[in-house]
Amino acid sequence: MIEYLLLTLGVLIMIFGAIGILRFPDVYTRLHAATKCDTGGAMNILLALAISIEAPLLTKLKLLVLAFLIALINPMISHAIARGAYKSGIKPQTPVVDMYAWDNP
């Protein structure tokens, strides 16, 4: 039962993330939607698979390690992409707080 809940939650996060990628106006908000989509959706789907499949323990452990790596690496990569986009001159459309501007002398 819990695997169905996790799978449904993962699919919903993926759908909302895809809608966010299509609807958001600039690269930073689209990157935010893509990161939430990848991290939250993929982790929930992998956890549902780890619970529901009839496989050896090593296979389930591999799925859990993959979910952990996604949780660890994906936010860092998206932050690096956003910083690179900012350094290359792409400005946010309506910034409220431009924290990267403090890094530039």
C-alpha atoms as a PDB file:
ATOM      1  CA  MET A   1       0.000   0.000   0.000  1.00  0.00           C
ATOM      2  CA  ILE A   2       2.781   2.445   0.881  1.00  0.00           C
ATOM      3  CA  GLU A   3       4.488   1.751  -2.448  1.00  0.00           C
ATOM      4  CA  TYR A   4       1.398   2.900  -4.327  1.00  0.00           C
ATOM      5  CA  LEU A   5       1.316   6.093  -2.313  1.00  0.00           C
ATOM      6  CA  LEU A   6       5.013   6.773  -2.999  1.00  0.00           C
ATOM      7  CA  LEU A   7       4.615   5.965  -6.690  1.00  0.00           C
ATOM      8  CA  THR A   8       1.593   8.240  -7.035  1.00  0.00           C
ATOM      9  CA  LEU A   9       3.369  11.041  -5.193  1.00  0.00           C
ATOM     10  CA  GLY A  10       6.439  10.633  -7.410  1.00  0.00           C
ATOM     11  CA  VAL A  11       4.395  10.720 -10.595  1.00  0.00           C
ATOM     12  CA  LEU A  12       2.478  13.806  -9.415  1.00  0.00           C
ATOM     13  CA  ILE A  13       5.721  15.611  -8.582  1.00  0.00           C
ATOM     14  CA  MET A  14       7.065  14.734 -12.038  1.00  0.00           C
ATOM     15  CA  ILE A  15       3.902  16.031 -13.719  1.00  0.00           C
ATOM     16  CA  PHE A  16       3.886  19.296 -11.747  1.00  0.00           C
ATOM     17  CA  GLY A  17       7.594  19.755 -12.429  1.00  0.00           C
ATOM     18  CA  ALA A  18       7.040  19.271 -16.159  1.00  0.00           C
ATOM     19  CA  ILE A  19       4.219  21.822 -16.093  1.00  0.00           C
ATOM     20  CA  GLY A  20       6.512  24.221 -14.226  1.00  0.00           C
ATOM     21  CA  ILE A  21       9.246  23.796 -16.835  1.00  0.00           C
ATOM     22  CA  LEU A  22       6.772  24.681 -19.569  1.00  0.00           C
ATOM     23  CA  ARG A  23       5.117  27.613 -17.804  1.00  0.00           C
ATOM     24  CA  PHE A  24       7.863  29.409 -15.878  1.00  0.00           C
ATOM     25  CA  PRO A  25       9.347  32.476 -17.591  1.00  0.00           C
ATOM     26  CA  ASP A  26      13.126  32.301 -17.140  1.00  0.00           C
ATOM     27  CA  VAL A  27      15.958  29.830 -16.790  1.00  0.00           C
ATOM     28  CA  TYR A  28      16.184  30.089 -12.993  1.00  0.00           C
ATOM     29  CA  THR A  29      12.562  29.309 -12.234  1.00  0.00           C
ATOM     30  CA  ARG A  30      12.589  26.527 -14.834  1.00  0.00           C
ATOM     31  CA  LEU A  31      15.706  25.117 -13.224  1.00  0.00           C
ATOM     32  CA  HIS A  32      13.942  25.199  -9.861  1.00  0.00           C
ATOM     33  CA  ALA A  33      11.004  23.246 -11.296  1.00  0.00           C
ATOM     34  CA  ALA A  34      13.334  20.742 -12.956  1.00  0.00           C
ATOM     35  CA  THR A  35      15.280  20.192  -9.746  1.00  0.00           C
ATOM     36  CA  LYS A  36      12.145  19.563  -7.715  1.00  0.00           C
ATOM     37  CA  CYS A  37      10.880  17.269 -10.433  1.00  0.00           C
ATOM     38  CA  ASP A  38      14.079  15.233 -10.613  1.00  0.00           C
ATOM     39  CA  THR A  39      14.831  15.077  -6.925  1.00  0.00           C
ATOM     40  CA  GLY A  40      11.390  14.578  -5.413  1.00  0.00           C
ATOM     41  CA  GLY A  41       9.806  12.575  -8.192  1.00  0.00           C
ATOM     42  CA  ALA A  42      12.694  10.232  -8.860  1.00  0.00           C
ATOM     43  CA  MET A  43      13.346   9.615  -5.176  1.00  0.00           C
ATOM     44  CA  ASN A  44       9.731   8.694  -4.488  1.00  0.00           C
ATOM     45  CA  ILE A  45       9.590   6.395  -7.511  1.00  0.00           C
ATOM     46  CA  LEU A  46      12.859   4.691  -6.539  1.00  0.00           C
ATOM     47  CA  LEU A  47      11.669   4.197  -2.958  1.00  0.00           C
ATOM     48  CA  ALA A  48       8.407   2.701  -4.240  1.00  0.00           C
ATOM     49  CA  LEU A  49      10.385   0.340  -6.454  1.00  0.00           C
ATOM     50  CA  ALA A  50      12.673  -0.663  -3.602  1.00  0.00           C
ATOM     51  CA  ILE A  51       9.666  -1.544  -1.472  1.00  0.00           C
ATOM     52  CA  SER A  52       7.561  -3.301  -4.104  1.00  0.00           C
ATOM     53  CA  ILE A  53       9.916  -5.400  -6.240  1.00  0.00           C
ATOM     54  CA  GLU A  54      10.563  -9.046  -5.562  1.00  0.00           C
ATOM     55  CA  ALA A  55      14.328  -8.978  -5.898  1.00  0.00           C
ATOM     56  CA  PRO A  56      17.401  -9.793  -3.848  1.00  0.00           C
ATOM     57  CA  LEU A  57      18.382  -7.473  -1.041  1.00  0.00           C
ATOM     58  CA  LEU A  58      21.362  -6.203  -3.026  1.00  0.00           C
ATOM     59  CA  THR A  59      19.078  -4.891  -5.777  1.00  0.00           C
ATOM     60  CA  LYS A  60      16.932  -3.055  -3.248  1.00  0.00           C
ATOM     61  CA  LEU A  61      20.050  -1.638  -1.648  1.00  0.00           C
ATOM     62  CA  LYS A  62      21.226  -0.360  -5.035  1.00  0.00           C
ATOM     63  CA  LEU A  63      17.920   1.466  -5.512  1.00  0.00           C
ATOM     64  CA  LEU A  64      18.233   3.059  -2.076  1.00  0.00           C
ATOM     65  CA  VAL A  65      21.830   4.137  -2.771  1.00  0.00           C
ATOM     66  CA  LEU A  66      20.693   5.635  -6.071  1.00  0.00           C
ATOM     67  CA  ALA A  67      17.933   7.582  -4.289  1.00  0.00           C
ATOM     68  CA  PHE A  68      20.485   8.828  -1.747  1.00  0.00           C
ATOM     69  CA  LEU A  69      22.864   9.940  -4.506  1.00  0.00           C
ATOM     70  CA  ILE A  70      20.070  11.778  -6.303  1.00  0.00           C
ATOM     71  CA  ALA A  71      19.186  13.589  -3.069  1.00  0.00           C
ATOM     72  CA  LEU A  72      22.819  14.503  -2.523  1.00  0.00           C
ATOM     73  CA  ILE A  73      24.039  15.432  -5.999  1.00  0.00           C
ATOM     74  CA  ASN A  74      21.032  16.882  -7.835  1.00  0.00           C
ATOM     75  CA  PRO A  75      20.665  20.111  -5.776  1.00  0.00           C
ATOM     76  CA  MET A  76      24.405  20.792  -6.042  1.00  0.00           C
ATOM     77  CA  ILE A  77      24.386  20.336  -9.798  1.00  0.00           C
ATOM     78  CA  SER A  78      21.380  22.608 -10.290  1.00  0.00           C
ATOM     79  CA  HIS A  79      23.021  25.259  -8.100  1.00  0.00           C
ATOM     80  CA  ALA A  80      26.161  25.057 -10.251  1.00  0.00           C
ATOM     81  CA  ILE A  81      24.082  25.393 -13.431  1.00  0.00           C
ATOM     82  CA  ALA A  82      22.263  28.436 -12.025  1.00  0.00           C
ATOM     83  CA  ARG A  83      25.535  30.052 -10.959  1.00  0.00           C
ATOM     84  CA  GLY A  84      27.045  29.375 -14.378  1.00  0.00           C
ATOM     85  CA  ALA A  85      24.016  30.897 -16.093  1.00  0.00           C
ATOM     86  CA  TYR A  86      24.312  33.974 -13.915  1.00  0.00           C
ATOM     87  CA  LYS A  87      28.059  34.287 -14.528  1.00  0.00           C
ATOM     88  CA  SER A  88      27.482  34.064 -18.279  1.00  0.00           C
ATOM     89  CA  GLY A  89      25.175  37.080 -18.125  1.00  0.00           C
ATOM     90  CA  ILE A  90      21.671  35.622 -17.965  1.00  0.00           C
ATOM     91  CA  LYS A  91      19.752  37.810 -15.515  1.00  0.00           C
ATOM     92  CA  PRO A  92      16.557  36.802 -13.712  1.00  0.00           C
ATOM     93  CA  GLN A  93      13.451  38.502 -15.056  1.00  0.00           C
ATOM     94  CA  THR A  94      12.181  39.978 -11.802  1.00  0.00           C
ATOM     95  CA  PRO A  95      14.721  39.406  -9.047  1.00  0.00           C
ATOM     96  CA  VAL A  96      13.668  40.124  -5.515  1.00  0.00           C
ATOM     97  CA  VAL A  97      17.089  39.529  -3.973  1.00  0.00           C
ATOM     98  CA  ASP A  98      20.145  39.145  -6.187  1.00  0.00           C
ATOM     99  CA  MET A  99      22.525  37.295  -3.883  1.00  0.00           C
ATOM    100  CA  TYR A 100      25.004  36.555  -6.661  1.00  0.00           C
ATOM    101  CA  ALA A 101      25.536  40.270  -7.259  1.00  0.00           C
ATOM    102  CA  TRP A 102      27.304  40.431  -3.889  1.00  0.00           C
ATOM    103  CA  ASP A 103      30.019  38.092  -5.233  1.00  0.00           C
ATOM    104  CA  ASN A 104      30.924  40.428  -8.098  1.00  0.00           C
ATOM    105  CA  PRO A 105      33.225  43.288  -7.082  1.00  0.00           C
END
